[in-house]
Amino acid sequence: MANNIKNQEDILAKLNITALNSMQEEAVSVIETTTNTILLSPTGTGKTLAFVCH
C-alpha cells in the first residue's frame, strides 16, 4: 500500500511527534539549502528523522 505523506507536518503527525529538536531543526535548514550534508551527532539524537523530514 502506498503512503501519501507529502510534507513535514504529515510525517511528524504520522510518527506522533509534536516538534523537532534543535539539532533536527538546524539539519533540515542545512539539508534544504545544500547538495550534500553529513550530520555528526551522537546516537539517539534524531539524525534519521532530520533526513526524513526534509
PDB file of N, CA and C in Angstrom:
ATOM      1  N   MET A   1       0.841  -1.179   0.000  1.00  0.00           N
ATOM      2  CA  MET A   1       0.000   0.000   0.000  1.00  0.00           C
ATOM      3  C   MET A   1       0.887   1.242   0.000  1.00  0.00           C
ATOM      4  N   ALA A   2       0.619   2.177  -0.879  1.00  0.00           N
ATOM      5  CA  ALA A   2       1.400   3.407  -0.984  1.00  0.00           C
ATOM      6  C   ALA A   2       1.072   4.340   0.170  1.00  0.00           C
ATOM      7  N   ASN A   3       2.100   5.078   0.604  1.00  0.00           N
ATOM      8  CA  ASN A   3       1.934   6.048   1.673  1.00  0.00           C
ATOM      9  C   ASN A   3       1.926   7.433   1.043  1.00  0.00           C
ATOM     10  N   ASN A   4       0.890   8.220   1.244  1.00  0.00           N
ATOM     11  CA  ASN A   4       0.742   9.512   0.595  1.00  0.00           C
ATOM     12  C   ASN A   4       1.156  10.684   1.478  1.00  0.00           C
ATOM     13  N   ILE A   5       2.130  10.509   2.362  1.00  0.00           N
ATOM     14  CA  ILE A   5       2.619  11.606   3.190  1.00  0.00           C
ATOM     15  C   ILE A   5       3.401  12.548   2.291  1.00  0.00           C
ATOM     16  N   LYS A   6       3.067  13.841   2.336  1.00  0.00           N
ATOM     17  CA  LYS A   6       3.655  14.768   1.401  1.00  0.00           C
ATOM     18  C   LYS A   6       4.500  15.882   2.016  1.00  0.00           C
ATOM     19  N   ASN A   7       4.357  16.164   3.287  1.00  0.00           N
ATOM     20  CA  ASN A   7       5.123  17.274   3.862  1.00  0.00           C
ATOM     21  C   ASN A   7       5.566  16.940   5.289  1.00  0.00           C
ATOM     22  N   GLN A   8       6.401  17.832   5.828  1.00  0.00           N
ATOM     23  CA  GLN A   8       6.976  17.601   7.155  1.00  0.00           C
ATOM     24  C   GLN A   8       5.906  17.449   8.218  1.00  0.00           C
ATOM     25  N   GLU A   9       4.873  18.272   8.178  1.00  0.00           N
ATOM     26  CA  GLU A   9       3.821  18.193   9.191  1.00  0.00           C
ATOM     27  C   GLU A   9       3.129  16.826   9.156  1.00  0.00           C
ATOM     28  N   ASP A  10       2.884  16.308   7.954  1.00  0.00           N
ATOM     29  CA  ASP A  10       2.258  14.992   7.832  1.00  0.00           C
ATOM     30  C   ASP A  10       3.159  13.892   8.384  1.00  0.00           C
ATOM     31  N   ILE A  11       4.461  13.994   8.095  1.00  0.00           N
ATOM     32  CA  ILE A  11       5.417  12.998   8.586  1.00  0.00           C
ATOM     33  C   ILE A  11       5.429  13.003  10.114  1.00  0.00           C
ATOM     34  N   LEU A  12       5.550  14.185  10.706  1.00  0.00           N
ATOM     35  CA  LEU A  12       5.592  14.282  12.168  1.00  0.00           C
ATOM     36  C   LEU A  12       4.289  13.787  12.795  1.00  0.00           C
ATOM     37  N   ALA A  13       3.160  14.138  12.205  1.00  0.00           N
ATOM     38  CA  ALA A  13       1.874  13.684  12.732  1.00  0.00           C
ATOM     39  C   ALA A  13       1.766  12.160  12.659  1.00  0.00           C
ATOM     40  N   LYS A  14       2.208  11.576  11.552  1.00  0.00           N
ATOM     41  CA  LYS A  14       2.150  10.124  11.384  1.00  0.00           C
ATOM     42  C   LYS A  14       2.996   9.422  12.447  1.00  0.00           C
ATOM     43  N   LEU A  15       4.120  10.046  12.830  1.00  0.00           N
ATOM     44  CA  LEU A  15       5.012   9.472  13.838  1.00  0.00           C
ATOM     45  C   LEU A  15       4.654   9.910  15.256  1.00  0.00           C
ATOM     46  N   ASN A  16       3.590  10.703  15.408  1.00  0.00           N
ATOM     47  CA  ASN A  16       3.146  11.217  16.701  1.00  0.00           C
ATOM     48  C   ASN A  16       4.222  12.055  17.390  1.00  0.00           C
ATOM     49  N   ILE A  17       4.886  12.896  16.598  1.00  0.00           N
ATOM     50  CA  ILE A  17       5.927  13.801  17.100  1.00  0.00           C
ATOM     51  C   ILE A  17       5.398  15.224  16.978  1.00  0.00           C
ATOM     52  N   THR A  18       5.477  15.975  18.064  1.00  0.00           N
ATOM     53  CA  THR A  18       4.914  17.329  18.052  1.00  0.00           C
ATOM     54  C   THR A  18       5.896  18.393  17.586  1.00  0.00           C
ATOM     55  N   ALA A  19       7.215  18.149  17.723  1.00  0.00           N
ATOM     56  CA  ALA A  19       8.197  19.148  17.316  1.00  0.00           C
ATOM     57  C   ALA A  19       9.560  18.492  17.104  1.00  0.00           C
ATOM     58  N   LEU A  20      10.371  19.100  16.252  1.00  0.00           N
ATOM     59  CA  LEU A  20      11.754  18.653  16.060  1.00  0.00           C
ATOM     60  C   LEU A  20      12.622  19.244  17.159  1.00  0.00           C
ATOM     61  N   ASN A  21      13.732  18.556  17.489  1.00  0.00           N
ATOM     62  CA  ASN A  21      14.665  19.140  18.460  1.00  0.00           C
ATOM     63  C   ASN A  21      15.575  20.135  17.741  1.00  0.00           C
ATOM     64  N   SER A  22      16.417  20.847  18.463  1.00  0.00           N
ATOM     65  CA  SER A  22      17.229  21.916  17.862  1.00  0.00           C
ATOM     66  C   SER A  22      18.193  21.386  16.798  1.00  0.00           C
ATOM     67  N   MET A  23      18.791  20.208  17.012  1.00  0.00           N
ATOM     68  CA  MET A  23      19.692  19.627  16.016  1.00  0.00           C
ATOM     69  C   MET A  23      18.925  19.309  14.738  1.00  0.00           C
ATOM     70  N   GLN A  24      17.722  18.762  14.871  1.00  0.00           N
ATOM     71  CA  GLN A  24      16.909  18.419  13.708  1.00  0.00           C
ATOM     72  C   GLN A  24      16.485  19.670  12.937  1.00  0.00           C
ATOM     73  N   GLU A  25      16.083  20.703  13.654  1.00  0.00           N
ATOM     74  CA  GLU A  25      15.702  21.971  13.006  1.00  0.00           C
ATOM     75  C   GLU A  25      16.860  22.526  12.186  1.00  0.00           C
ATOM     76  N   GLU A  26      18.057  22.561  12.780  1.00  0.00           N
ATOM     77  CA  GLU A  26      19.240  23.065  12.077  1.00  0.00           C
ATOM     78  C   GLU A  26      19.576  22.175  10.885  1.00  0.00           C
ATOM     79  N   ALA A  27      19.499  20.864  11.062  1.00  0.00           N
ATOM     80  CA  ALA A  27      19.801  19.932   9.975  1.00  0.00           C
ATOM     81  C   ALA A  27      18.851  20.135   8.806  1.00  0.00           C
ATOM     82  N   VAL A  28      17.571  20.270   9.071  1.00  0.00           N
ATOM     83  CA  VAL A  28      16.597  20.460   7.997  1.00  0.00           C
ATOM     84  C   VAL A  28      16.915  21.730   7.218  1.00  0.00           C
ATOM     85  N   SER A  29      17.259  22.813   7.910  1.00  0.00           N
ATOM     86  CA  SER A  29      17.559  24.060   7.202  1.00  0.00           C
ATOM     87  C   SER A  29      18.803  23.923   6.330  1.00  0.00           C
ATOM     88  N   VAL A  30      19.807  23.172   6.798  1.00  0.00           N
ATOM     89  CA  VAL A  30      21.024  22.964   6.002  1.00  0.00           C
ATOM     90  C   VAL A  30      20.730  22.033   4.826  1.00  0.00           C
ATOM     91  N   ILE A  31      20.006  20.951   5.070  1.00  0.00           N
ATOM     92  CA  ILE A  31      19.678  19.987   4.009  1.00  0.00           C
ATOM     93  C   ILE A  31      18.921  20.667   2.874  1.00  0.00           C
ATOM     94  N   GLU A  32      18.043  21.587   3.214  1.00  0.00           N
ATOM     95  CA  GLU A  32      17.244  22.276   2.200  1.00  0.00           C
ATOM     96  C   GLU A  32      18.065  23.218   1.331  1.00  0.00           C
ATOM     97  N   THR A  33      19.222  23.651   1.799  1.00  0.00           N
ATOM     98  CA  THR A  33      19.993  24.656   1.067  1.00  0.00           C
ATOM     99  C   THR A  33      21.317  24.143   0.497  1.00  0.00           C
ATOM    100  N   THR A  34      21.623  22.863   0.678  1.00  0.00           N
ATOM    101  CA  THR A  34      22.877  22.323   0.170  1.00  0.00           C
ATOM    102  C   THR A  34      22.626  21.042  -0.614  1.00  0.00           C
ATOM    103  N   THR A  35      23.611  20.683  -1.433  1.00  0.00           N
ATOM    104  CA  THR A  35      23.504  19.463  -2.229  1.00  0.00           C
ATOM    105  C   THR A  35      23.827  18.232  -1.405  1.00  0.00           C
ATOM    106  N   ASN A  36      24.871  18.300  -0.591  1.00  0.00           N
ATOM    107  CA  ASN A  36      25.312  17.169   0.228  1.00  0.00           C
ATOM    108  C   ASN A  36      25.425  17.606   1.676  1.00  0.00           C
ATOM    109  N   THR A  37      24.965  16.758   2.578  1.00  0.00           N
ATOM    110  CA  THR A  37      25.014  17.071   4.008  1.00  0.00           C
ATOM    111  C   THR A  37      25.464  15.842   4.780  1.00  0.00           C
ATOM    112  N   ILE A  38      26.362  16.047   5.735  1.00  0.00           N
ATOM    113  CA  ILE A  38      26.767  14.995   6.662  1.00  0.00           C
ATOM    114  C   ILE A  38      26.443  15.487   8.067  1.00  0.00           C
ATOM    115  N   LEU A  39      25.705  14.691   8.809  1.00  0.00           N
ATOM    116  CA  LEU A  39      25.395  15.036  10.195  1.00  0.00           C
ATOM    117  C   LEU A  39      26.249  14.191  11.125  1.00  0.00           C
ATOM    118  N   LEU A  40      26.968  14.847  12.001  1.00  0.00           N
ATOM    119  CA  LEU A  40      27.747  14.159  13.027  1.00  0.00           C
ATOM    120  C   LEU A  40      27.124  14.488  14.371  1.00  0.00           C
ATOM    121  N   SER A  41      26.521  13.491  14.976  1.00  0.00           N
ATOM    122  CA  SER A  41      25.815  13.686  16.232  1.00  0.00           C
ATOM    123  C   SER A  41      25.719  12.324  16.918  1.00  0.00           C
ATOM    124  N   PRO A  42      25.704  12.306  18.241  1.00  0.00           N
ATOM    125  CA  PRO A  42      25.639  11.025  18.955  1.00  0.00           C
ATOM    126  C   PRO A  42      24.395  10.211  18.600  1.00  0.00           C
ATOM    127  N   THR A  43      24.493   8.924  18.821  1.00  0.00           N
ATOM    128  CA  THR A  43      23.367   8.015  18.624  1.00  0.00           C
ATOM    129  C   THR A  43      22.177   8.461  19.471  1.00  0.00           C
ATOM    130  N   GLY A  44      20.996   8.432  18.877  1.00  0.00           N
ATOM    131  CA  GLY A  44      19.784   8.767  19.612  1.00  0.00           C
ATOM    132  C   GLY A  44      19.390  10.226  19.578  1.00  0.00           C
ATOM    133  N   THR A  45      20.072  11.038  18.760  1.00  0.00           N
ATOM    134  CA  THR A  45      19.756  12.468  18.727  1.00  0.00           C
ATOM    135  C   THR A  45      18.767  12.842  17.631  1.00  0.00           C
ATOM    136  N   GLY A  46      18.401  11.894  16.766  1.00  0.00           N
ATOM    137  CA  GLY A  46      17.369  12.164  15.774  1.00  0.00           C
ATOM    138  C   GLY A  46      17.860  12.479  14.376  1.00  0.00           C
ATOM    139  N   LYS A  47      19.049  12.012  14.018  1.00  0.00           N
ATOM    140  CA  LYS A  47      19.585  12.281  12.673  1.00  0.00           C
ATOM    141  C   LYS A  47      18.683  11.720  11.582  1.00  0.00           C
ATOM    142  N   THR A  48      18.218  10.510  11.754  1.00  0.00           N
ATOM    143  CA  THR A  48      17.376   9.885  10.733  1.00  0.00           C
ATOM    144  C   THR A  48      16.100  10.686  10.523  1.00  0.00           C
ATOM    145  N   LEU A  49      15.464  11.102  11.592  1.00  0.00           N
ATOM    146  CA  LEU A  49      14.246  11.888  11.471  1.00  0.00           C
ATOM    147  C   LEU A  49      14.515  13.221  10.768  1.00  0.00           C
ATOM    148  N   ALA A  50      15.671  13.818  11.023  1.00  0.00           N
ATOM    149  CA  ALA A  50      16.019  15.073  10.347  1.00  0.00           C
ATOM    150  C   ALA A  50      16.041  14.881   8.839  1.00  0.00           C
ATOM    151  N   PHE A  51      16.611  13.769   8.371  1.00  0.00           N
ATOM    152  CA  PHE A  51      16.652  13.487   6.947  1.00  0.00           C
ATOM    153  C   PHE A  51      15.262  13.170   6.405  1.00  0.00           C
ATOM    154  N   VAL A  52      14.469  12.435   7.157  1.00  0.00           N
ATOM    155  CA  VAL A  52      13.121  12.063   6.719  1.00  0.00           C
ATOM    156  C   VAL A  52      12.259  13.310   6.564  1.00  0.00           C
ATOM    157  N   CYS A  53      12.421  14.272   7.438  1.00  0.00           N
ATOM    158  CA  CYS A  53      11.593  15.469   7.422  1.00  0.00           C
ATOM    159  C   CYS A  53      12.000  16.464   6.353  1.00  0.00           C
ATOM    160  N   HIS A  54      13.056  16.191   5.693  1.00  0.00           N
ATOM    161  CA  HIS A  54      13.458  17.097   4.622  1.00  0.00           C
ATOM    162  C   HIS A  54      12.460  17.008   3.552  1.00  0.00           C
TER     163      HIS A  54
END
